[in-house]
Protein backbone atom coordinates (compact mmCIF):
# COMPACT_ATOMS: atom_id res chain seq x y z
CA MET A 1 45.67 -46.12 -3.29
CA ARG A 2 48.05 -48.33 -4.89
CA VAL A 3 51.64 -48.64 -3.78
CA ASP A 4 53.47 -51.04 -6.04
CA ASN A 5 51.31 -54.25 -6.04
CA GLN A 6 49.44 -53.34 -2.70
CA ILE A 7 46.12 -51.39 -2.15
CA ILE A 8 46.44 -49.37 1.11
CA SER A 9 43.36 -48.16 2.83
CA LEU A 10 43.20 -44.49 4.02
CA ASN A 11 41.70 -45.43 7.30
CA PRO A 12 43.76 -43.99 10.01
CA PHE A 13 42.28 -46.58 12.68
CA LEU A 14 43.34 -49.56 10.57
CA ILE A 15 46.67 -51.44 11.13
CA GLN A 16 48.24 -52.46 7.74
CA VAL A 17 51.14 -54.99 6.76
CA SER A 18 53.68 -53.82 4.20
CA PRO A 19 54.78 -56.60 1.67
CA ASN A 20 58.06 -57.09 3.66
CA GLY A 21 55.81 -57.76 6.69
CA ARG A 22 56.04 -54.30 8.61
CA GLU A 23 53.13 -52.99 10.39
CA PHE A 24 51.95 -49.40 9.64
CA LYS A 25 49.14 -46.84 9.83
CA VAL A 26 48.16 -43.97 7.91
CA VAL A 27 48.70 -40.75 9.94
CA GLY A 28 48.10 -38.03 7.27
CA ILE A 29 46.60 -37.23 4.21
CA GLU A 30 46.79 -33.75 2.22
CA LYS A 31 46.27 -32.57 -1.33
CA ASP A 32 49.45 -31.89 -3.19
CA LEU A 33 49.15 -28.08 -3.82
CA THR A 34 52.20 -27.92 -5.96
CA VAL A 35 50.24 -29.73 -8.58
CA ASP A 36 47.20 -28.10 -10.15
CA SER A 37 43.77 -30.24 -9.99
CA LYS A 38 42.66 -31.74 -13.39
CA TRP A 39 39.31 -32.61 -14.66
CA ILE A 40 39.03 -36.44 -15.60
CA ASN A 41 35.86 -37.90 -16.96
CA GLU A 42 33.86 -34.98 -15.37
CA THR A 43 35.43 -35.54 -11.97
CA LYS A 44 37.79 -32.97 -10.43
CA LYS A 45 41.11 -35.04 -9.66
CA TYR A 46 43.90 -34.07 -7.51
CA HIS A 47 47.43 -35.35 -6.55
CA TRP A 48 47.63 -36.50 -2.84
CA ILE A 49 50.30 -37.09 -0.15
CA VAL A 50 49.60 -39.82 2.26
CA THR A 51 51.98 -40.10 5.34
CA ILE A 52 52.44 -43.48 7.00
CA LYS A 53 54.02 -44.40 10.22
CA PHE A 54 55.57 -47.93 10.61
CA LEU A 55 54.79 -49.16 14.16
CA ASP A 56 58.12 -51.03 14.77
CA ASN A 57 60.26 -47.96 14.77
CA ASN A 58 58.05 -44.90 14.25
CA GLN A 59 59.67 -44.12 10.91
CA ARG A 60 57.40 -42.05 8.76
CA VAL A 61 57.18 -42.09 4.82
CA ARG A 62 55.33 -39.90 2.50
CA LEU A 63 53.84 -41.38 -0.44
CA TYR A 64 52.94 -39.21 -3.40
CA PHE A 65 50.05 -40.07 -5.53
CA ASP A 66 49.04 -38.90 -9.05
CA TYR A 67 45.48 -38.29 -10.48
CA ASN A 68 44.92 -41.99 -10.73
CA ASP A 69 45.91 -42.94 -7.27
CA ARG A 70 49.08 -44.55 -8.14
CA CYS A 71 52.05 -43.89 -6.10
CA MET A 72 54.82 -42.04 -7.80
CA LYS A 73 57.36 -41.41 -5.30
CA LYS A 74 58.15 -42.32 -1.64
CA VAL A 75 60.02 -40.10 0.63
CA LYS A 76 61.30 -40.86 4.28
CA VAL A 77 60.50 -37.99 6.53
């Protein structure tokens, strides 16, 4: 999944580092059921919501991804 110029792994056991140096983990992955699935190149694609948690202050952010795994929106939870 791509967020700006960074590719993040969906592995919940992996500690990752944001471009501004903050460590985070992926703590949730879900289909965005408010958007219909779509067939692209004979593959059924979905919009996804990935929740990350920053380890320095436990802040959570939801990342909303489109059919092409590009981040469209970031929302603090």
